[in-house]
């Protein structure tokens, strides 16, 4: 029996000037997702989250789309 949580991720790109603010907002949602810079030159960020949180992460990204220029890369 495997009790480890199943992780999912999504890769996005943002304009460099928006990264810090975006990261601050995502991190304010305790235990929802972890954000890592995958490609700093191109401002590619990967969000890691539990499979059971996928709907919440999608809602968050949808709500932030009006404020940030989020490009999905996967």
N, C-alpha and C. Protein backbone atom coordinates (compact mmCIF):
# COMPACT_ATOMS: atom_id res chain seq x y z
N UNK A 1 0.84 -1.18 0.00
CA UNK A 1 0.00 0.00 0.00
C UNK A 1 0.89 1.25 0.00
N UNK A 2 0.59 2.18 -0.89
CA UNK A 2 1.38 3.39 -1.02
C UNK A 2 0.59 4.56 -0.43
N UNK A 3 1.06 5.09 0.70
CA UNK A 3 0.38 6.20 1.35
C UNK A 3 0.95 7.55 0.97
N UNK A 4 1.91 7.55 0.07
CA UNK A 4 2.50 8.83 -0.34
C UNK A 4 1.51 9.58 -1.22
N UNK A 5 1.41 10.90 -1.02
CA UNK A 5 0.49 11.68 -1.85
C UNK A 5 0.96 11.72 -3.30
N UNK A 6 0.02 11.71 -4.21
CA UNK A 6 0.33 11.81 -5.63
C UNK A 6 0.51 13.29 -5.99
N UNK A 7 1.65 13.60 -6.61
CA UNK A 7 1.94 14.99 -6.98
C UNK A 7 1.66 15.23 -8.45
N UNK A 8 1.21 16.42 -8.73
CA UNK A 8 1.01 16.88 -10.10
C UNK A 8 1.80 18.18 -10.25
N UNK A 9 1.98 18.60 -11.47
CA UNK A 9 2.65 19.88 -11.70
C UNK A 9 2.13 20.50 -12.98
N UNK A 10 2.35 21.78 -13.09
CA UNK A 10 2.04 22.50 -14.32
C UNK A 10 3.12 23.54 -14.55
N UNK A 11 3.49 23.71 -15.80
CA UNK A 11 4.55 24.63 -16.17
C UNK A 11 3.92 25.86 -16.82
N UNK A 12 4.32 27.04 -16.33
CA UNK A 12 3.79 28.29 -16.85
C UNK A 12 4.93 29.26 -17.12
N UNK A 13 4.63 30.29 -17.88
CA UNK A 13 5.58 31.38 -18.10
C UNK A 13 4.87 32.69 -17.77
N UNK A 14 5.64 33.62 -17.23
CA UNK A 14 5.15 34.95 -16.89
C UNK A 14 6.17 35.97 -17.37
N UNK A 15 5.75 37.20 -17.60
CA UNK A 15 6.74 38.25 -17.83
C UNK A 15 7.61 38.40 -16.59
N UNK A 16 8.91 38.62 -16.75
CA UNK A 16 9.81 38.70 -15.60
C UNK A 16 9.35 39.66 -14.50
N UNK A 17 8.77 40.78 -14.87
CA UNK A 17 8.35 41.77 -13.88
C UNK A 17 7.20 41.28 -13.00
N UNK A 18 6.52 40.22 -13.40
CA UNK A 18 5.37 39.72 -12.65
C UNK A 18 5.69 38.54 -11.73
N UNK A 19 6.87 37.98 -11.86
CA UNK A 19 7.20 36.74 -11.15
C UNK A 19 7.14 36.90 -9.64
N UNK A 20 7.75 37.92 -9.09
CA UNK A 20 7.82 38.08 -7.64
C UNK A 20 6.43 38.23 -7.03
N UNK A 21 5.59 39.05 -7.64
CA UNK A 21 4.24 39.25 -7.12
C UNK A 21 3.43 37.97 -7.24
N UNK A 22 3.53 37.28 -8.37
CA UNK A 22 2.81 36.03 -8.57
C UNK A 22 3.23 35.00 -7.53
N UNK A 23 4.52 34.88 -7.32
CA UNK A 23 5.03 33.91 -6.34
C UNK A 23 4.51 34.24 -4.94
N UNK A 24 4.49 35.50 -4.59
CA UNK A 24 3.99 35.91 -3.26
C UNK A 24 2.53 35.53 -3.08
N UNK A 25 1.74 35.72 -4.11
CA UNK A 25 0.32 35.37 -4.02
C UNK A 25 0.14 33.87 -3.88
N UNK A 26 0.82 33.10 -4.71
CA UNK A 26 0.68 31.64 -4.64
C UNK A 26 1.11 31.12 -3.27
N UNK A 27 2.22 31.63 -2.75
CA UNK A 27 2.72 31.17 -1.46
C UNK A 27 1.82 31.59 -0.30
N UNK A 28 0.97 32.59 -0.51
CA UNK A 28 0.06 33.01 0.56
C UNK A 28 -1.04 31.98 0.80
N UNK A 29 -1.27 31.10 -0.15
CA UNK A 29 -2.23 30.01 0.01
C UNK A 29 -1.48 28.83 0.64
N UNK A 30 -1.48 28.78 1.95
CA UNK A 30 -0.71 27.78 2.68
C UNK A 30 -1.02 26.36 2.19
N UNK A 31 0.04 25.65 1.88
CA UNK A 31 -0.01 24.24 1.51
C UNK A 31 -0.81 23.93 0.26
N UNK A 32 -1.07 24.92 -0.58
CA UNK A 32 -1.79 24.65 -1.82
C UNK A 32 -0.82 24.18 -2.90
N UNK A 33 0.25 24.93 -3.09
CA UNK A 33 1.20 24.59 -4.15
C UNK A 33 2.57 25.12 -3.79
N UNK A 34 3.57 24.48 -4.38
CA UNK A 34 4.95 24.94 -4.26
C UNK A 34 5.36 25.44 -5.63
N UNK A 35 5.98 26.58 -5.65
CA UNK A 35 6.39 27.20 -6.90
C UNK A 35 7.90 27.18 -7.01
N UNK A 36 8.40 26.68 -8.13
CA UNK A 36 9.84 26.64 -8.38
C UNK A 36 10.14 27.26 -9.74
N UNK A 37 11.26 27.94 -9.83
CA UNK A 37 11.70 28.49 -11.10
C UNK A 37 12.40 27.37 -11.86
N UNK A 38 11.85 27.03 -13.02
CA UNK A 38 12.43 25.96 -13.82
C UNK A 38 13.43 26.49 -14.84
N UNK A 39 13.14 27.66 -15.39
CA UNK A 39 14.03 28.27 -16.37
C UNK A 39 14.04 29.79 -16.11
N UNK A 40 15.03 30.26 -15.35
CA UNK A 40 15.04 31.67 -14.98
C UNK A 40 15.19 32.63 -16.17
N UNK A 41 15.87 32.22 -17.20
CA UNK A 41 16.05 33.10 -18.36
C UNK A 41 14.73 33.40 -19.07
N UNK A 42 13.84 32.43 -19.08
CA UNK A 42 12.57 32.58 -19.78
C UNK A 42 11.39 32.76 -18.83
N UNK A 43 11.67 32.91 -17.55
CA UNK A 43 10.63 33.06 -16.52
C UNK A 43 9.62 31.92 -16.56
N UNK A 44 10.14 30.70 -16.69
CA UNK A 44 9.30 29.51 -16.64
C UNK A 44 9.23 29.02 -15.20
N UNK A 45 8.03 28.87 -14.71
CA UNK A 45 7.79 28.45 -13.34
C UNK A 45 6.99 27.17 -13.33
N UNK A 46 7.32 26.29 -12.39
CA UNK A 46 6.55 25.05 -12.24
C UNK A 46 5.86 25.06 -10.89
N UNK A 47 4.58 24.81 -10.93
CA UNK A 47 3.79 24.66 -9.70
C UNK A 47 3.64 23.18 -9.42
N UNK A 48 3.98 22.77 -8.20
CA UNK A 48 3.80 21.39 -7.74
C UNK A 48 2.66 21.39 -6.72
N UNK A 49 1.79 20.41 -6.82
CA UNK A 49 0.64 20.35 -5.91
C UNK A 49 0.13 18.92 -5.84
N UNK A 50 -0.60 18.64 -4.78
CA UNK A 50 -1.20 17.33 -4.63
C UNK A 50 -2.30 17.12 -5.65
N UNK A 51 -2.46 15.89 -6.10
CA UNK A 51 -3.50 15.59 -7.08
C UNK A 51 -4.88 16.00 -6.57
N UNK A 52 -5.07 15.91 -5.26
CA UNK A 52 -6.36 16.28 -4.68
C UNK A 52 -6.57 17.79 -4.65
N UNK A 53 -5.54 18.57 -4.94
CA UNK A 53 -5.64 20.03 -4.96
C UNK A 53 -5.70 20.60 -6.38
N UNK A 54 -5.76 19.74 -7.38
CA UNK A 54 -5.70 20.18 -8.78
C UNK A 54 -6.81 21.18 -9.11
N UNK A 55 -8.01 20.93 -8.65
CA UNK A 55 -9.13 21.86 -8.94
C UNK A 55 -8.90 23.21 -8.30
N UNK A 56 -8.38 23.22 -7.09
CA UNK A 56 -8.10 24.49 -6.40
C UNK A 56 -7.01 25.27 -7.12
N UNK A 57 -5.98 24.59 -7.58
CA UNK A 57 -4.89 25.25 -8.30
C UNK A 57 -5.42 25.83 -9.61
N UNK A 58 -6.25 25.07 -10.31
CA UNK A 58 -6.84 25.57 -11.55
C UNK A 58 -7.70 26.81 -11.31
N UNK A 59 -8.47 26.80 -10.23
CA UNK A 59 -9.29 27.97 -9.89
C UNK A 59 -8.41 29.18 -9.58
N UNK A 60 -7.32 28.95 -8.84
CA UNK A 60 -6.41 30.03 -8.51
C UNK A 60 -5.80 30.62 -9.78
N UNK A 61 -5.31 29.76 -10.67
CA UNK A 61 -4.71 30.25 -11.91
C UNK A 61 -5.74 31.01 -12.75
N UNK A 62 -6.95 30.52 -12.80
CA UNK A 62 -8.00 31.22 -13.55
C UNK A 62 -8.29 32.59 -12.95
N UNK A 63 -8.29 32.67 -11.62
CA UNK A 63 -8.58 33.96 -10.99
C UNK A 63 -7.43 34.95 -11.16
N UNK A 64 -6.21 34.45 -11.30
CA UNK A 64 -5.04 35.31 -11.47
C UNK A 64 -4.81 35.71 -12.93
N UNK A 65 -5.50 35.06 -13.84
CA UNK A 65 -5.30 35.32 -15.27
C UNK A 65 -5.64 36.75 -15.66
N UNK A 66 -6.55 37.38 -14.93
CA UNK A 66 -6.91 38.76 -15.25
C UNK A 66 -5.80 39.74 -14.86
N UNK A 67 -5.01 39.37 -13.89
CA UNK A 67 -3.97 40.25 -13.37
C UNK A 67 -2.58 39.95 -13.94
N UNK A 68 -2.35 38.71 -14.30
CA UNK A 68 -1.03 38.28 -14.78
C UNK A 68 -1.13 37.70 -16.18
N UNK A 69 -0.07 37.85 -16.93
CA UNK A 69 0.00 37.27 -18.28
C UNK A 69 0.56 35.85 -18.17
N UNK A 70 -0.30 34.93 -17.81
CA UNK A 70 0.10 33.53 -17.60
C UNK A 70 0.00 32.79 -18.92
N UNK A 71 1.10 32.16 -19.29
CA UNK A 71 1.13 31.30 -20.47
C UNK A 71 1.37 29.88 -20.02
N UNK A 72 0.46 29.00 -20.37
CA UNK A 72 0.63 27.57 -20.03
C UNK A 72 1.57 26.95 -21.05
N UNK A 73 2.53 26.21 -20.54
CA UNK A 73 3.52 25.58 -21.42
C UNK A 73 3.32 24.08 -21.55
N UNK A 74 2.39 23.54 -20.83
CA UNK A 74 2.09 22.11 -20.95
C UNK A 74 0.60 21.93 -21.02
